[in-house]
């Protein structure tokens, strides 16, 4: 689809991790070395439907590898901000933006952003219910929010509504259960 990313190589070791390796992975998860299914599905949707972002100021929340931010920039967004609390993820988003020849501004703290946006995009951030309060914070910063998530089957948080589903897998493939390959799109609009 024309979008390129620096990710973990497909040939990564698949054997079980030692206790030390598992602890390190859990304490400092490198989310940015994967293109998670929800991010991939949202990026594909943006590239298929560029009118979602064209000419708009867009924030990619929980940017990870920056796949959604890069897709928004490639699809003609006026300005794109990739926001992630992980400084290494911010570096990955910047590197992937450079790889794709697009301009993406990097931000580490969502709440430090005092500006408003036309659209907030968020993929794979609702797996932890502690992140659900962000949904209302998004609508304070933007009148339109589009969320993609494969882990939340029925988001019952008004005014967010299910608007579609799509199949996608994580890259490189993690052999996840089929249920995590079904990505749901939820849309929130400020009332």
C-alpha atoms as a PDB file:
ATOM      1  CA  UNK A   1       0.000   0.000   0.000  1.00  0.00           C
ATOM      2  CA  UNK A   2       3.047   2.216  -0.321  1.00  0.00           C
ATOM      3  CA  UNK A   3       3.577   2.704   3.409  1.00  0.00           C
ATOM      4  CA  UNK A   4       6.853   1.411   4.847  1.00  0.00           C
ATOM      5  CA  UNK A   5       7.817   0.772   8.472  1.00  0.00           C
ATOM      6  CA  UNK A   6      10.870  -0.181  10.468  1.00  0.00           C
ATOM      7  CA  UNK A   7       9.612  -3.187  12.462  1.00  0.00           C
ATOM      8  CA  UNK A   8      10.936  -6.289  14.173  1.00  0.00           C
ATOM      9  CA  UNK A   9      12.272  -8.669  11.533  1.00  0.00           C
ATOM     10  CA  UNK A  10       9.969 -11.578  10.575  1.00  0.00           C
ATOM     11  CA  UNK A  11      12.705 -14.036  11.606  1.00  0.00           C
ATOM     12  CA  UNK A  12      12.624 -13.054  15.274  1.00  0.00           C
ATOM     13  CA  UNK A  13      13.139 -15.976  17.712  1.00  0.00           C
ATOM     14  CA  UNK A  14       9.882 -17.783  18.536  1.00  0.00           C
ATOM     15  CA  UNK A  15      11.029 -19.948  21.435  1.00  0.00           C
ATOM     16  CA  UNK A  16       9.846 -19.223  24.985  1.00  0.00           C
ATOM     17  CA  UNK A  17      11.535 -16.362  26.809  1.00  0.00           C
ATOM     18  CA  UNK A  18      13.639 -16.856  29.904  1.00  0.00           C
ATOM     19  CA  UNK A  19      12.315 -15.379  33.165  1.00  0.00           C
ATOM     20  CA  UNK A  20      14.740 -12.444  32.814  1.00  0.00           C
ATOM     21  CA  UNK A  21      13.716 -11.809  29.192  1.00  0.00           C
ATOM     22  CA  UNK A  22      10.025 -12.022  30.086  1.00  0.00           C
ATOM     23  CA  UNK A  23      10.465  -9.567  32.955  1.00  0.00           C
ATOM     24  CA  UNK A  24      12.308  -7.128  30.677  1.00  0.00           C
ATOM     25  CA  UNK A  25       9.602  -7.428  28.003  1.00  0.00           C
ATOM     26  CA  UNK A  26       6.837  -6.802  30.538  1.00  0.00           C
ATOM     27  CA  UNK A  27       8.619  -3.886  32.228  1.00  0.00           C
ATOM     28  CA  UNK A  28       9.541  -2.106  29.013  1.00  0.00           C
ATOM     29  CA  UNK A  29       7.283  -3.406  26.238  1.00  0.00           C
ATOM     30  CA  UNK A  30       8.543  -2.427  22.795  1.00  0.00           C
ATOM     31  CA  UNK A  31       5.092  -1.861  21.272  1.00  0.00           C
ATOM     32  CA  UNK A  32       6.656   0.164  18.466  1.00  0.00           C
ATOM     33  CA  UNK A  33       8.497  -2.817  16.917  1.00  0.00           C
ATOM     34  CA  UNK A  34       5.164  -4.246  15.755  1.00  0.00           C
ATOM     35  CA  UNK A  35       2.446  -2.886  13.519  1.00  0.00           C
ATOM     36  CA  UNK A  36      -0.533  -4.048  15.584  1.00  0.00           C
ATOM     37  CA  UNK A  37      -3.649  -5.268  13.783  1.00  0.00           C
ATOM     38  CA  UNK A  38      -5.784  -2.281  14.795  1.00  0.00           C
ATOM     39  CA  UNK A  39      -3.150   0.218  13.670  1.00  0.00           C
ATOM     40  CA  UNK A  40      -2.777  -1.605  10.365  1.00  0.00           C
ATOM     41  CA  UNK A  41      -6.552  -1.662   9.823  1.00  0.00           C
ATOM     42  CA  UNK A  42      -6.891   2.042  10.661  1.00  0.00           C
ATOM     43  CA  UNK A  43      -3.972   2.973   8.382  1.00  0.00           C
ATOM     44  CA  UNK A  44      -5.525   0.958   5.545  1.00  0.00           C
ATOM     45  CA  UNK A  45      -8.876   2.661   6.077  1.00  0.00           C
ATOM     46  CA  UNK A  46      -7.265   6.113   5.962  1.00  0.00           C
ATOM     47  CA  UNK A  47      -5.398   5.282   2.765  1.00  0.00           C
ATOM     48  CA  UNK A  48      -8.622   3.908   1.207  1.00  0.00           C
ATOM     49  CA  UNK A  49     -10.700   6.867   2.419  1.00  0.00           C
ATOM     50  CA  UNK A  50      -8.307   9.857   2.375  1.00  0.00           C
ATOM     51  CA  UNK A  51     -11.232  12.265   2.798  1.00  0.00           C
ATOM     52  CA  UNK A  52     -11.229  11.233   6.482  1.00  0.00           C
ATOM     53  CA  UNK A  53      -8.015  13.210   7.016  1.00  0.00           C
ATOM     54  CA  UNK A  54      -7.417  15.361   3.927  1.00  0.00           C
ATOM     55  CA  UNK A  55      -6.757  18.978   4.866  1.00  0.00           C
ATOM     56  CA  UNK A  56      -7.258  18.297   8.581  1.00  0.00           C
ATOM     57  CA  UNK A  57      -5.115  18.680  11.675  1.00  0.00           C
ATOM     58  CA  UNK A  58      -4.848  15.133  13.014  1.00  0.00           C
ATOM     59  CA  UNK A  59      -3.531  13.574  16.223  1.00  0.00           C
ATOM     60  CA  UNK A  60      -2.491   9.913  16.324  1.00  0.00           C
ATOM     61  CA  UNK A  61      -2.831   8.938  19.995  1.00  0.00           C
ATOM     62  CA  UNK A  62      -0.718   6.011  21.250  1.00  0.00           C
ATOM     63  CA  UNK A  63       1.213   6.155  17.992  1.00  0.00           C
ATOM     64  CA  UNK A  64       3.492   3.151  18.566  1.00  0.00           C
ATOM     65  CA  UNK A  65       5.325   2.653  15.267  1.00  0.00           C
ATOM     66  CA  UNK A  66       3.598   5.702  13.794  1.00  0.00           C
ATOM     67  CA  UNK A  67       1.749   3.697  11.140  1.00  0.00           C
ATOM     68  CA  UNK A  68      -1.500   5.652  11.539  1.00  0.00           C
ATOM     69  CA  UNK A  69       0.287   9.020  11.638  1.00  0.00           C
ATOM     70  CA  UNK A  70       2.231   8.152   8.480  1.00  0.00           C
ATOM     71  CA  UNK A  71      -0.949   7.002   6.720  1.00  0.00           C
ATOM     72  CA  UNK A  72      -2.697  10.260   7.654  1.00  0.00           C
ATOM     73  CA  UNK A  73       0.200  12.321   6.307  1.00  0.00           C
ATOM     74  CA  UNK A  74       0.340  10.254   3.097  1.00  0.00           C
ATOM     75  CA  UNK A  75      -3.437  10.692   2.686  1.00  0.00           C
ATOM     76  CA  UNK A  76      -3.166  14.482   2.732  1.00  0.00           C
ATOM     77  CA  UNK A  77      -3.672  15.617   6.321  1.00  0.00           C
ATOM     78  CA  UNK A  78      -2.708  19.278   6.743  1.00  0.00           C
ATOM     79  CA  UNK A  79      -0.780  18.533   9.946  1.00  0.00           C
ATOM     80  CA  UNK A  80      -0.133  15.306  11.838  1.00  0.00           C
ATOM     81  CA  UNK A  81       0.981  14.856  15.433  1.00  0.00           C
ATOM     82  CA  UNK A  82       2.071  11.409  16.664  1.00  0.00           C
ATOM     83  CA  UNK A  83       1.615  11.204  20.430  1.00  0.00           C
ATOM     84  CA  UNK A  84       2.998   8.450  22.637  1.00  0.00           C
ATOM     85  CA  UNK A  85       4.248   8.391  26.239  1.00  0.00           C
ATOM     86  CA  UNK A  86       7.084   6.015  25.273  1.00  0.00           C
ATOM     87  CA  UNK A  87      10.095   8.073  24.128  1.00  0.00           C
ATOM     88  CA  UNK A  88      11.384   5.154  22.035  1.00  0.00           C
ATOM     89  CA  UNK A  89       8.009   4.953  20.297  1.00  0.00           C
ATOM     90  CA  UNK A  90       8.336   8.654  19.521  1.00  0.00           C
ATOM     91  CA  UNK A  91      11.725   7.948  17.923  1.00  0.00           C
ATOM     92  CA  UNK A  92      10.195   5.065  15.945  1.00  0.00           C
ATOM     93  CA  UNK A  93       7.336   7.291  14.743  1.00  0.00           C
ATOM     94  CA  UNK A  94       9.850   9.919  13.653  1.00  0.00           C
ATOM     95  CA  UNK A  95      12.024   7.342  11.856  1.00  0.00           C
ATOM     96  CA  UNK A  96       9.002   5.836  10.084  1.00  0.00           C
ATOM     97  CA  UNK A  97       7.800   9.289   9.035  1.00  0.00           C
ATOM     98  CA  UNK A  98      11.232   9.963   7.531  1.00  0.00           C
ATOM     99  CA  UNK A  99      11.180   6.571   5.812  1.00  0.00           C
ATOM    100  CA  UNK A 100       7.865   7.530   4.184  1.00  0.00           C
ATOM    101  CA  UNK A 101       8.973  11.071   3.331  1.00  0.00           C
ATOM    102  CA  UNK A 102       6.227  12.733   5.388  1.00  0.00           C
ATOM    103  CA  UNK A 103       6.189  15.377   8.101  1.00  0.00           C
ATOM    104  CA  UNK A 104       4.898  14.210  11.471  1.00  0.00           C
ATOM    105  CA  UNK A 105       5.306  16.252  14.639  1.00  0.00           C
ATOM    106  CA  UNK A 106       6.073  14.207  17.761  1.00  0.00           C
ATOM    107  CA  UNK A 107       4.486  14.742  21.197  1.00  0.00           C
ATOM    108  CA  UNK A 108       5.034  12.740  24.361  1.00  0.00           C
ATOM    109  CA  UNK A 109       2.284  14.022  26.632  1.00  0.00           C
ATOM    110  CA  UNK A 110      -1.302  14.234  25.421  1.00  0.00           C
ATOM    111  CA  UNK A 111      -2.336  16.487  28.291  1.00  0.00           C
ATOM    112  CA  UNK A 112       0.500  18.944  27.594  1.00  0.00           C
ATOM    113  CA  UNK A 113      -0.988  19.633  24.150  1.00  0.00           C
ATOM    114  CA  UNK A 114      -3.017  22.825  24.503  1.00  0.00           C
ATOM    115  CA  UNK A 115      -4.070  23.009  20.866  1.00  0.00           C
ATOM    116  CA  UNK A 116      -7.174  21.537  19.301  1.00  0.00           C
ATOM    117  CA  UNK A 117      -7.421  19.060  16.429  1.00  0.00           C
ATOM    118  CA  UNK A 118      -9.937  18.311  13.703  1.00  0.00           C
ATOM    119  CA  UNK A 119      -9.609  14.564  14.219  1.00  0.00           C
ATOM    120  CA  UNK A 120      -8.073  12.219  16.769  1.00  0.00           C
ATOM    121  CA  UNK A 121      -7.138   8.700  15.694  1.00  0.00           C
ATOM    122  CA  UNK A 122      -6.416   5.951  18.216  1.00  0.00           C
ATOM    123  CA  UNK A 123      -5.606   2.305  17.569  1.00  0.00           C
ATOM    124  CA  UNK A 124      -5.072  -0.464  20.097  1.00  0.00           C
ATOM    125  CA  UNK A 125      -5.291   1.773  23.141  1.00  0.00           C
ATOM    126  CA  UNK A 126      -8.479   0.502  24.796  1.00  0.00           C
ATOM    127  CA  UNK A 127      -7.238  -2.974  25.755  1.00  0.00           C
ATOM    128  CA  UNK A 128      -6.598  -1.518  29.220  1.00  0.00           C
ATOM    129  CA  UNK A 129      -9.803  -0.152  30.765  1.00  0.00           C
ATOM    130  CA  UNK A 130      -7.665   2.407  32.601  1.00  0.00           C
ATOM    131  CA  UNK A 131      -7.331   4.109  29.196  1.00  0.00           C
ATOM    132  CA  UNK A 132     -11.095   4.468  28.658  1.00  0.00           C
ATOM    133  CA  UNK A 133     -11.235   7.968  30.265  1.00  0.00           C
ATOM    134  CA  UNK A 134      -9.153   9.171  27.303  1.00  0.00           C
ATOM    135  CA  UNK A 135     -12.278   8.791  25.168  1.00  0.00           C
ATOM    136  CA  UNK A 136     -13.909  11.827  26.771  1.00  0.00           C
ATOM    137  CA  UNK A 137     -10.594  13.726  26.807  1.00  0.00           C
ATOM    138  CA  UNK A 138     -10.308  13.130  23.046  1.00  0.00           C
ATOM    139  CA  UNK A 139     -13.648  14.836  22.449  1.00  0.00           C
ATOM    140  CA  UNK A 140     -12.466  17.856  24.424  1.00  0.00           C
ATOM    141  CA  UNK A 141      -9.577  18.305  21.970  1.00  0.00           C
ATOM    142  CA  UNK A 142     -11.343  17.317  18.732  1.00  0.00           C
ATOM    143  CA  UNK A 143     -14.932  17.220  17.449  1.00  0.00           C
ATOM    144  CA  UNK A 144     -14.328  13.882  15.712  1.00  0.00           C
ATOM    145  CA  UNK A 145     -12.578  10.746  16.988  1.00  0.00           C
ATOM    146  CA  UNK A 146     -11.976   7.449  15.213  1.00  0.00           C
ATOM    147  CA  UNK A 147     -10.874   4.468  17.308  1.00  0.00           C
ATOM    148  CA  UNK A 148      -9.776   1.049  16.042  1.00  0.00           C
ATOM    149  CA  UNK A 149      -9.517  -1.859  18.459  1.00  0.00           C
ATOM    150  CA  UNK A 150      -9.384  -5.641  18.152  1.00  0.00           C
ATOM    151  CA  UNK A 151      -9.613  -6.312  21.886  1.00  0.00           C
ATOM    152  CA  UNK A 152     -12.847  -4.428  22.636  1.00  0.00           C
ATOM    153  CA  UNK A 153     -15.852  -6.259  21.209  1.00  0.00           C
ATOM    154  CA  UNK A 154     -18.549  -3.857  22.354  1.00  0.00           C
ATOM    155  CA  UNK A 155     -17.529  -0.393  23.436  1.00  0.00           C
ATOM    156  CA  UNK A 156     -20.519   0.861  25.397  1.00  0.00           C
ATOM    157  CA  UNK A 157     -19.294   4.383  26.039  1.00  0.00           C
ATOM    158  CA  UNK A 158     -21.526   7.079  24.493  1.00  0.00           C
ATOM    159  CA  UNK A 159     -21.263   8.909  22.191  1.00  0.00           C
ATOM    160  CA  UNK A 160     -18.955   6.316  20.597  1.00  0.00           C
ATOM    161  CA  UNK A 161     -20.668   4.035  18.094  1.00  0.00           C
ATOM    162  CA  UNK A 162     -19.513   0.948  16.208  1.00  0.00           C
ATOM    163  CA  UNK A 163     -19.214   1.947  12.534  1.00  0.00           C
ATOM    164  CA  UNK A 164     -17.511  -1.078  10.990  1.00  0.00           C
ATOM    165  CA  UNK A 165     -15.160  -4.024  11.221  1.00  0.00           C
ATOM    166  CA  UNK A 166     -12.170  -5.243   9.241  1.00  0.00           C
ATOM    167  CA  UNK A 167      -9.791  -8.198   9.302  1.00  0.00           C
ATOM    168  CA  UNK A 168      -6.108  -7.442   9.906  1.00  0.00           C
ATOM    169  CA  UNK A 169      -3.115  -9.123  11.500  1.00  0.00           C
ATOM    170  CA  UNK A 170      -0.148  -7.867  13.453  1.00  0.00           C
ATOM    171  CA  UNK A 171       3.142  -7.435  11.575  1.00  0.00           C
ATOM    172  CA  UNK A 172       5.319  -9.344  12.021  1.00  0.00           C
ATOM    173  CA  UNK A 173       2.789 -12.105  12.589  1.00  0.00           C
ATOM    174  CA  UNK A 174       2.425 -13.078  16.246  1.00  0.00           C
ATOM    175  CA  UNK A 175       0.091 -15.996  15.511  1.00  0.00           C
ATOM    176  CA  UNK A 176      -2.608 -14.308  17.581  1.00  0.00           C
ATOM    177  CA  UNK A 177      -6.021 -15.860  18.038  1.00  0.00           C
ATOM    178  CA  UNK A 178      -8.417 -15.215  15.159  1.00  0.00           C
ATOM    179  CA  UNK A 179     -10.622 -13.092  17.442  1.00  0.00           C
ATOM    180  CA  UNK A 180      -7.794 -10.524  17.650  1.00  0.00           C
ATOM    181  CA  UNK A 181      -7.708 -10.235  13.865  1.00  0.00           C
ATOM    182  CA  UNK A 182     -11.205  -8.690  13.820  1.00  0.00           C
ATOM    183  CA  UNK A 183     -10.723  -4.955  14.244  1.00  0.00           C
ATOM    184  CA  UNK A 184     -13.713  -2.829  15.185  1.00  0.00           C
ATOM    185  CA  UNK A 185     -14.003   0.851  14.325  1.00  0.00           C
ATOM    186  CA  UNK A 186     -15.745   3.181  16.763  1.00  0.00           C
ATOM    187  CA  UNK A 187     -16.544   6.794  15.993  1.00  0.00           C
ATOM    188  CA  UNK A 188     -17.151   9.547  18.489  1.00  0.00           C
ATOM    189  CA  UNK A 189     -18.491  12.987  17.631  1.00  0.00           C
ATOM    190  CA  UNK A 190     -18.755  15.957  19.942  1.00  0.00           C
ATOM    191  CA  UNK A 191     -22.400  16.779  20.600  1.00  0.00           C
END
